[in-house]
Amino acid sequence: MKKIIIWVLAALSLISLSACANGKSSQKDNRNLLTSPINKDVTTMGTYIKVTVYDKGKEAAVEKALKLPVEYNNLTTVNQSGSQIDEINQNAGIKPIKVNSNVYELVKAGYNYSAKDLGYDITIGSLTSLWNIGMDNARKPAQSEIDQVLPLINYHDIKFDDKNETIYLTQKGARLDLGSIVKGFVAMKMVDSLKKDGVTTGIVNLGSSSIYVIGHSPRGADSPWTIGIKNPNDPTGTQMGIIKASNEHVNTSGIYERYLEVDGHKYSHILNPKTGYPFENDITSITLLISGKDKTNGDGLSTMIYAMGTKKGYEYVEKLKNVEAVFVDKDNKVYITPGLKDKFQLSDKKTFEVGNITNLK
């Protein structure tokens, strides 16, 4: 679960709507759109979730989409008893558990990311529950506690039965934690639901770390949405840069808002399943831009790429189809993959500068 560092520049969109009405849009927009959108929200999954739709008569579609995160929270949370993931964890080493088809799909997605062996493992729950970073009872665990749970982190211990849709953790004490992928998964389900109900122009925003934009912005048929990336050194304030997106998913992972400080040292919430401690590398934040046609879960992918560090993460993204990235490192250097050349603009040039990835070792 990641804190807010990106947002859709709604005010800019509204200004552009006015310009469109005055005939200044670069291309006439024949869509039957609202000038004041439908805005509805819900707080669940530990975050604020908002849906904005410009299509007329889609109030019911928005309400329907907003029921999905509430449903998934009840099915997948590990912070309260009674969810299907909690039931799987409670029965680790005891018996398989029958789950909802969507939960089965979600755990499979997490397993597939884990199987890449790139520093990501959804059986990390026994470790995250020790640290509890982001919760009121967060603490730095003793080394003996960490040593005790590290053997429990192994995605190979997840057994699937596709016919019966059961999931079994074979090792007693093992725990799933889907916090790193569930928001991206739910966002895609919400977008699918909205599109099925005829929505052509809108935004699905899950805690601002996972944003899907549907269609082009209401400014015009050839005008993308404008999405701001906040300064990772001042995540409650200034903007570092902007990305333009249409029918795309913008996902951000960062280490600077959700952390635990002990004896002057800040421990990030992104934990290394091999060492039991937060990853220590040069990344401050990573923002992914993923094509809406691609069903890649941006939450899981950004967490996995974060674990690699800037150089290796950048090289990994270059090999992917339909994915581009903006990396910000601890020296305030910004690295942009080639496909974002005409989509990203650095707005805070006093603090940040665009770096050359070839200069990194």
Protein backbone atom coordinates (compact mmCIF):
# COMPACT_ATOMS: atom_id res chain seq x y z
CA MET A 1 0.00 0.00 0.00
CA LYS A 2 1.51 3.32 -1.04
CA LYS A 3 0.87 6.88 -0.01
CA ILE A 4 -0.25 9.73 -2.23
CA ILE A 5 2.30 11.26 -4.59
CA ILE A 6 0.33 11.62 -7.81
CA TRP A 7 -2.93 13.32 -8.65
CA VAL A 8 -4.99 14.35 -11.64
CA LEU A 9 -4.83 18.10 -12.16
CA ALA A 10 -8.59 18.64 -12.01
CA ALA A 11 -8.35 22.43 -11.99
CA LEU A 12 -6.32 22.38 -15.19
CA SER A 13 -8.90 20.11 -16.78
CA LEU A 14 -11.70 22.51 -15.85
CA ILE A 15 -9.83 25.47 -17.33
CA SER A 16 -9.35 23.51 -20.53
CA LEU A 17 -13.04 22.64 -20.61
CA SER A 18 -13.81 26.32 -20.68
CA ALA A 19 -11.32 26.81 -23.51
CA CYS A 20 -12.95 23.97 -25.42
CA ALA A 21 -16.33 25.64 -25.08
CA ASN A 22 -14.85 28.77 -26.61
CA GLY A 23 -13.72 26.85 -29.66
CA LYS A 24 -10.05 26.74 -28.67
CA SER A 25 -9.77 22.98 -28.47
CA SER A 26 -7.40 21.57 -31.09
CA GLN A 27 -10.07 19.16 -32.31
CA LYS A 28 -13.84 19.27 -32.03
CA ASP A 29 -15.18 16.87 -29.44
CA ASN A 30 -18.50 15.29 -30.41
CA ARG A 31 -18.90 13.37 -27.17
CA ASN A 32 -21.98 14.20 -25.07
CA LEU A 33 -20.11 15.14 -21.88
CA LEU A 34 -20.95 16.95 -18.68
CA THR A 35 -19.23 20.25 -17.85
CA SER A 36 -19.48 19.33 -14.15
CA PRO A 37 -18.60 15.65 -13.74
CA ILE A 38 -20.15 12.99 -11.56
CA ASN A 39 -17.89 12.66 -8.49
CA LYS A 40 -18.38 9.93 -5.93
CA ASP A 41 -15.99 8.43 -3.38
CA VAL A 42 -15.57 5.87 -0.64
CA THR A 43 -12.96 5.23 2.04
CA THR A 44 -11.92 1.58 2.17
CA MET A 45 -8.86 -0.63 1.66
CA GLY A 46 -7.04 1.80 3.93
CA THR A 47 -7.32 4.65 1.44
CA TYR A 48 -9.57 7.23 -0.20
CA ILE A 49 -11.07 6.05 -3.50
CA LYS A 50 -12.73 8.41 -5.97
CA VAL A 51 -14.45 7.95 -9.32
CA THR A 52 -14.96 10.92 -11.65
CA VAL A 53 -17.06 10.48 -14.80
CA TYR A 54 -17.97 13.06 -17.47
CA ASP A 55 -20.50 10.94 -19.38
CA LYS A 56 -24.13 11.88 -18.83
CA GLY A 57 -26.50 9.54 -17.02
CA LYS A 58 -23.78 7.29 -15.53
CA GLU A 59 -24.52 7.78 -11.82
CA ALA A 60 -25.55 4.12 -11.42
CA ALA A 61 -22.39 2.96 -13.19
CA VAL A 62 -20.26 4.98 -10.78
CA GLU A 63 -22.10 3.61 -7.74
CA LYS A 64 -21.67 0.08 -9.07
CA ALA A 65 -17.91 0.55 -9.59
CA LEU A 66 -17.45 1.94 -6.07
CA LYS A 67 -18.94 -1.21 -4.56
CA LEU A 68 -15.98 -3.23 -5.87
CA PRO A 69 -13.23 -1.89 -3.54
CA VAL A 70 -15.54 -2.37 -0.54
CA GLU A 71 -16.15 -5.95 -1.62
CA TYR A 72 -12.46 -6.66 -2.17
CA ASN A 73 -11.52 -5.10 1.14
CA ASN A 74 -13.85 -7.53 2.90
CA LEU A 75 -12.37 -10.42 0.93
CA THR A 76 -8.65 -9.65 1.15
CA THR A 77 -7.75 -7.53 4.18
CA VAL A 78 -5.25 -8.97 6.64
CA ASN A 79 -5.79 -6.19 9.18
CA GLN A 80 -9.00 -7.71 10.48
CA SER A 81 -10.32 -11.24 10.85
CA GLY A 82 -12.97 -12.73 8.62
CA SER A 83 -11.54 -12.15 5.14
CA GLN A 84 -10.74 -15.02 2.78
CA ILE A 85 -7.04 -14.14 2.89
CA ASP A 86 -7.17 -14.22 6.69
CA GLU A 87 -8.80 -17.64 6.49
CA ILE A 88 -6.02 -18.90 4.19
CA ASN A 89 -3.41 -17.59 6.63
CA GLN A 90 -5.15 -19.07 9.68
CA ASN A 91 -5.23 -22.47 7.97
CA ALA A 92 -1.62 -22.46 6.77
CA GLY A 93 -0.21 -25.96 7.15
CA ILE A 94 -3.67 -27.28 7.97
CA LYS A 95 -5.96 -27.33 4.93
CA PRO A 96 -6.77 -25.68 1.58
CA ILE A 97 -9.38 -22.91 1.53
CA LYS A 98 -12.06 -22.39 -1.12
CA VAL A 99 -12.07 -18.76 -2.27
CA ASN A 100 -13.96 -16.36 -4.50
CA SER A 101 -12.95 -16.59 -8.19
CA ASN A 102 -11.61 -13.03 -8.18
CA VAL A 103 -9.57 -13.65 -5.04
CA TYR A 104 -8.16 -16.77 -6.70
CA GLU A 105 -7.20 -14.68 -9.74
CA LEU A 106 -5.60 -12.02 -7.51
CA VAL A 107 -3.46 -14.47 -5.54
CA LYS A 108 -2.38 -16.12 -8.79
CA ALA A 109 -1.26 -12.72 -10.08
CA GLY A 110 0.77 -12.18 -6.93
CA TYR A 111 2.27 -15.63 -7.26
CA ASN A 112 3.31 -14.92 -10.86
CA TYR A 113 5.12 -11.74 -9.80
CA SER A 114 6.79 -13.64 -6.96
CA ALA A 115 7.92 -16.37 -9.34
CA LYS A 116 10.10 -13.86 -11.20
CA ASP A 117 12.44 -13.99 -8.16
CA LEU A 118 13.19 -10.28 -8.35
CA GLY A 119 12.72 -9.31 -4.73
CA TYR A 120 8.95 -9.66 -4.50
CA ASP A 121 7.05 -12.34 -2.56
CA ILE A 122 3.38 -12.29 -1.53
CA THR A 123 4.06 -14.69 1.36
CA ILE A 124 5.79 -11.79 3.15
CA GLY A 125 2.86 -11.36 5.56
CA SER A 126 4.65 -12.80 8.59
CA LEU A 127 7.35 -10.15 8.15
CA THR A 128 5.09 -7.16 7.42
CA SER A 129 3.04 -7.99 10.51
CA LEU A 130 6.24 -7.78 12.59
CA TRP A 131 7.16 -4.29 11.36
CA ASN A 132 3.60 -2.98 10.84
CA ILE A 133 4.98 0.15 9.20
CA GLY A 134 2.19 2.64 8.61
CA MET A 135 0.20 1.37 11.58
CA ASP A 136 0.01 2.83 15.10
CA ASN A 137 1.90 -0.14 16.54
CA ALA A 138 4.81 0.00 14.06
CA ARG A 139 8.16 -1.04 15.51
CA LYS A 140 11.58 -2.31 14.56
CA PRO A 141 11.59 -6.03 15.39
CA ALA A 142 14.47 -7.78 17.09
CA GLN A 143 16.85 -9.70 14.85
CA SER A 144 15.73 -12.93 16.51
CA GLU A 145 12.13 -12.22 15.48
CA ILE A 146 13.17 -11.53 11.89
CA ASP A 147 15.27 -14.68 11.76
CA GLN A 148 12.28 -16.68 12.96
CA VAL A 149 9.92 -15.55 10.18
CA LEU A 150 12.29 -15.42 7.19
CA PRO A 151 11.95 -19.20 6.54
CA LEU A 152 8.17 -18.69 6.28
CA ILE A 153 8.54 -16.42 3.22
CA ASN A 154 8.50 -18.66 0.17
CA TYR A 155 5.97 -18.39 -2.65
CA HIS A 156 6.65 -22.05 -3.50
CA ASP A 157 4.57 -22.87 -0.43
CA ILE A 158 1.40 -21.66 -2.17
CA LYS A 159 -0.53 -24.52 -3.75
CA PHE A 160 -3.40 -23.90 -6.16
CA ASP A 161 -6.25 -26.17 -7.21
CA ASP A 162 -7.65 -24.62 -10.39
CA LYS A 163 -10.63 -26.98 -10.56
CA ASN A 164 -11.91 -26.29 -7.05
CA GLU A 165 -10.36 -22.81 -6.72
CA THR A 166 -8.72 -23.57 -3.41
CA ILE A 167 -5.51 -22.06 -2.05
CA TYR A 168 -3.26 -23.76 0.46
CA LEU A 169 -0.23 -22.44 2.31
CA THR A 170 1.68 -25.61 3.06
CA GLN A 171 3.91 -24.15 5.78
CA LYS A 172 2.37 -23.48 9.17
CA GLY A 173 2.84 -19.85 10.16
CA ALA A 174 3.14 -18.60 6.56
CA ARG A 175 1.02 -15.55 5.71
CA LEU A 176 -0.13 -13.94 2.47
CA ASP A 177 -0.10 -10.13 2.23
CA LEU A 178 -1.71 -8.70 -0.93
CA GLY A 179 -1.38 -5.04 0.06
CA SER A 180 1.20 -4.44 -2.67
CA ILE A 181 -1.06 -5.55 -5.53
CA VAL A 182 -4.70 -5.40 -4.52
CA LYS A 183 -5.32 -1.71 -5.32
CA GLY A 184 -4.02 -2.02 -8.87
CA PHE A 185 -6.10 -5.17 -9.36
CA VAL A 186 -9.27 -3.53 -8.04
CA ALA A 187 -8.65 -0.40 -10.13
CA MET A 188 -8.61 -2.52 -13.29
CA LYS A 189 -11.86 -4.23 -12.25
CA MET A 190 -13.47 -0.83 -11.64
CA VAL A 191 -12.37 0.44 -15.05
CA ASP A 192 -13.70 -2.70 -16.75
CA SER A 193 -17.03 -2.22 -14.99
CA LEU A 194 -17.29 1.45 -15.98
CA LYS A 195 -16.40 0.78 -19.61
CA LYS A 196 -18.90 -2.08 -19.78
CA ASP A 197 -21.55 0.38 -18.61
CA GLY A 198 -20.67 2.84 -21.36
CA VAL A 199 -18.30 5.26 -19.65
CA THR A 200 -15.91 6.87 -22.15
CA THR A 201 -14.32 9.69 -20.12
CA GLY A 202 -13.34 9.43 -16.49
CA ILE A 203 -10.85 8.78 -13.72
CA VAL A 204 -10.51 5.96 -11.20
CA ASN A 205 -8.27 7.09 -8.36
CA LEU A 206 -7.23 4.69 -5.61
CA GLY A 207 -5.33 6.67 -3.01
CA SER A 208 -3.59 8.58 -5.83
CA SER A 209 -0.90 5.91 -6.00
CA SER A 210 -3.01 4.00 -8.53
CA ILE A 211 -4.82 6.11 -11.14
CA TYR A 212 -6.60 4.94 -14.29
CA VAL A 213 -7.74 7.48 -16.85
CA ILE A 214 -10.49 6.39 -19.23
CA GLY A 215 -10.41 7.85 -22.71
CA HIS A 216 -9.15 11.36 -23.42
CA SER A 217 -9.77 14.30 -21.12
CA PRO A 218 -12.98 16.33 -21.51
CA ARG A 219 -10.95 19.12 -23.13
CA GLY A 220 -11.17 17.49 -26.53
CA ALA A 221 -10.89 14.28 -28.52
CA ASP A 222 -7.13 14.67 -28.95
CA SER A 223 -6.37 16.12 -25.49
CA PRO A 224 -4.82 13.79 -22.89
CA TRP A 225 -5.35 13.96 -19.15
CA THR A 226 -2.70 15.91 -17.22
CA ILE A 227 -1.35 14.07 -14.16
CA GLY A 228 1.00 15.67 -11.67
CA ILE A 229 3.85 13.86 -9.92
CA LYS A 230 4.56 15.37 -6.52
CA ASN A 231 8.00 16.18 -5.17
CA PRO A 232 8.99 13.02 -3.26
CA ASN A 233 10.94 15.19 -0.80
CA ASP A 234 7.78 17.21 -0.08
CA PRO A 235 4.88 14.84 -0.89
CA THR A 236 2.25 17.13 0.68
CA GLY A 237 3.27 20.15 -1.33
CA THR A 238 5.07 20.95 -4.54
CA GLN A 239 4.85 19.28 -7.93
CA MET A 240 7.95 17.74 -9.48
CA GLY A 241 6.62 17.07 -12.98
CA ILE A 242 3.61 16.16 -15.10
CA ILE A 243 2.66 13.22 -17.32
CA LYS A 244 0.07 13.28 -20.06
CA ALA A 245 -2.02 10.13 -20.39
CA SER A 246 -5.02 8.73 -22.27
CA ASN A 247 -6.52 5.30 -21.60
CA GLU A 248 -3.59 4.54 -19.32
CA HIS A 249 -2.73 3.55 -15.80
CA VAL A 250 -0.36 5.73 -13.75
CA ASN A 251 1.10 3.98 -10.72
CA THR A 252 3.62 5.25 -8.18
CA SER A 253 5.70 3.60 -5.46
CA GLY A 254 7.75 5.62 -3.00
CA ILE A 255 9.55 5.34 0.32
CA TYR A 256 9.21 8.77 1.86
CA GLU A 257 5.73 9.01 3.40
CA ARG A 258 5.14 5.60 4.91
CA TYR A 259 8.12 4.79 7.06
CA LEU A 260 9.29 4.09 10.61
CA GLU A 261 11.96 6.26 12.20
CA VAL A 262 14.14 4.65 14.88
CA ASP A 263 17.25 6.32 16.34
CA GLY A 264 17.34 8.79 13.47
CA HIS A 265 17.10 6.14 10.75
CA LYS A 266 14.08 5.96 8.45
CA TYR A 267 12.88 2.47 7.57
CA SER A 268 10.71 2.23 4.45
CA HIS A 269 7.58 0.06 4.29
CA ILE A 270 8.89 -1.82 1.23
CA LEU A 271 10.50 -4.87 2.83
CA ASN A 272 13.10 -7.21 1.38
CA PRO A 273 11.88 -10.82 1.79
CA LYS A 274 15.49 -12.05 1.75
CA THR A 275 16.92 -9.86 4.53
CA GLY A 276 13.83 -9.01 6.55
CA TYR A 277 14.66 -5.30 6.42
CA PRO A 278 13.48 -2.53 4.08
CA PHE A 279 15.23 -2.30 0.73
CA GLU A 280 18.13 0.14 0.72
CA ASN A 281 18.81 1.58 -2.73
CA ASP A 282 18.93 4.87 -4.62
CA ILE A 283 15.24 5.17 -5.54
CA THR A 284 13.02 7.79 -3.93
CA SER A 285 10.04 7.15 -6.20
CA ILE A 286 9.08 5.36 -9.37
CA THR A 287 6.06 6.20 -11.53
CA LEU A 288 4.86 3.78 -14.20
CA LEU A 289 2.69 4.63 -17.20
CA ILE A 290 0.96 1.50 -18.49
CA SER A 291 -1.24 1.19 -21.57
CA GLY A 292 -4.91 0.64 -20.77
CA LYS A 293 -4.88 -2.30 -23.19
CA ASP A 294 -2.32 -4.03 -20.97
CA LYS A 295 -3.65 -5.96 -17.96
CA THR A 296 -0.36 -5.63 -16.07
CA ASN A 297 -0.94 -4.89 -12.39
CA GLY A 298 0.97 -1.64 -11.88
CA ASP A 299 1.08 -1.98 -8.09
CA GLY A 300 2.90 -5.30 -8.16
CA LEU A 301 5.16 -4.24 -11.02
CA SER A 302 6.22 -0.94 -9.41
CA THR A 303 7.01 -2.67 -6.11
CA MET A 304 9.08 -5.28 -7.90
CA ILE A 305 10.95 -2.67 -9.95
CA TYR A 306 11.60 -0.57 -6.86
CA ALA A 307 13.48 -3.52 -5.37
CA MET A 308 15.95 -3.43 -8.28
CA GLY A 309 17.18 0.14 -7.83
CA THR A 310 17.25 2.80 -10.55
CA LYS A 311 19.75 1.34 -13.03
CA LYS A 312 18.46 -2.24 -13.10
CA GLY A 313 14.84 -1.09 -12.80
CA TYR A 314 15.22 1.26 -15.77
CA GLU A 315 16.79 -1.49 -17.87
CA TYR A 316 13.99 -3.87 -16.89
CA VAL A 317 11.27 -1.40 -17.94
CA GLU A 318 12.97 -0.85 -21.31
CA LYS A 319 12.38 -4.54 -22.09
CA LEU A 320 8.65 -4.37 -21.32
CA LYS A 321 5.92 -3.62 -23.83
CA ASN A 322 3.31 -0.95 -23.06
CA VAL A 323 5.18 0.27 -19.94
CA GLU A 324 7.19 3.46 -19.41
CA ALA A 325 8.67 4.89 -16.20
CA VAL A 326 9.91 7.97 -14.38
CA PHE A 327 12.56 7.26 -11.71
CA VAL A 328 13.56 9.82 -9.08
CA ASP A 329 16.70 9.02 -7.09
CA LYS A 330 18.03 10.31 -3.78
CA ASP A 331 20.27 12.82 -5.58
CA ASN A 332 17.16 14.44 -7.13
CA LYS A 333 18.03 13.11 -10.56
CA VAL A 334 15.09 12.14 -12.78
CA TYR A 335 15.42 9.30 -15.29
CA ILE A 336 12.78 8.95 -18.00
CA THR A 337 12.38 5.94 -20.28
CA PRO A 338 12.38 6.79 -24.02
CA GLY A 339 8.65 6.37 -24.57
CA LEU A 340 7.89 9.29 -22.23
CA LYS A 341 9.94 11.82 -24.17
CA ASP A 342 6.83 13.64 -25.40
CA LYS A 343 4.61 12.79 -22.41
CA PHE A 344 6.63 13.95 -19.39
CA GLN A 345 7.60 17.47 -18.41
CA LEU A 346 9.87 18.39 -15.50
CA SER A 347 8.24 21.35 -13.73
CA ASP A 348 10.57 21.84 -10.73
CA LYS A 349 13.89 22.50 -12.45
CA LYS A 350 15.39 24.20 -9.39
CA THR A 351 15.33 21.02 -7.32
CA PHE A 352 15.47 18.29 -9.94
CA GLU A 353 17.37 17.64 -13.15
CA VAL A 354 17.02 15.02 -15.82
CA GLY A 355 19.86 12.51 -15.56
CA ASN A 356 21.52 10.21 -18.07
CA ILE A 357 20.95 6.58 -17.16
CA THR A 358 24.27 5.59 -18.74
CA ASN A 359 26.05 7.54 -16.00
CA LEU A 360 24.74 5.20 -13.32
CA LYS A 361 26.77 2.15 -12.41
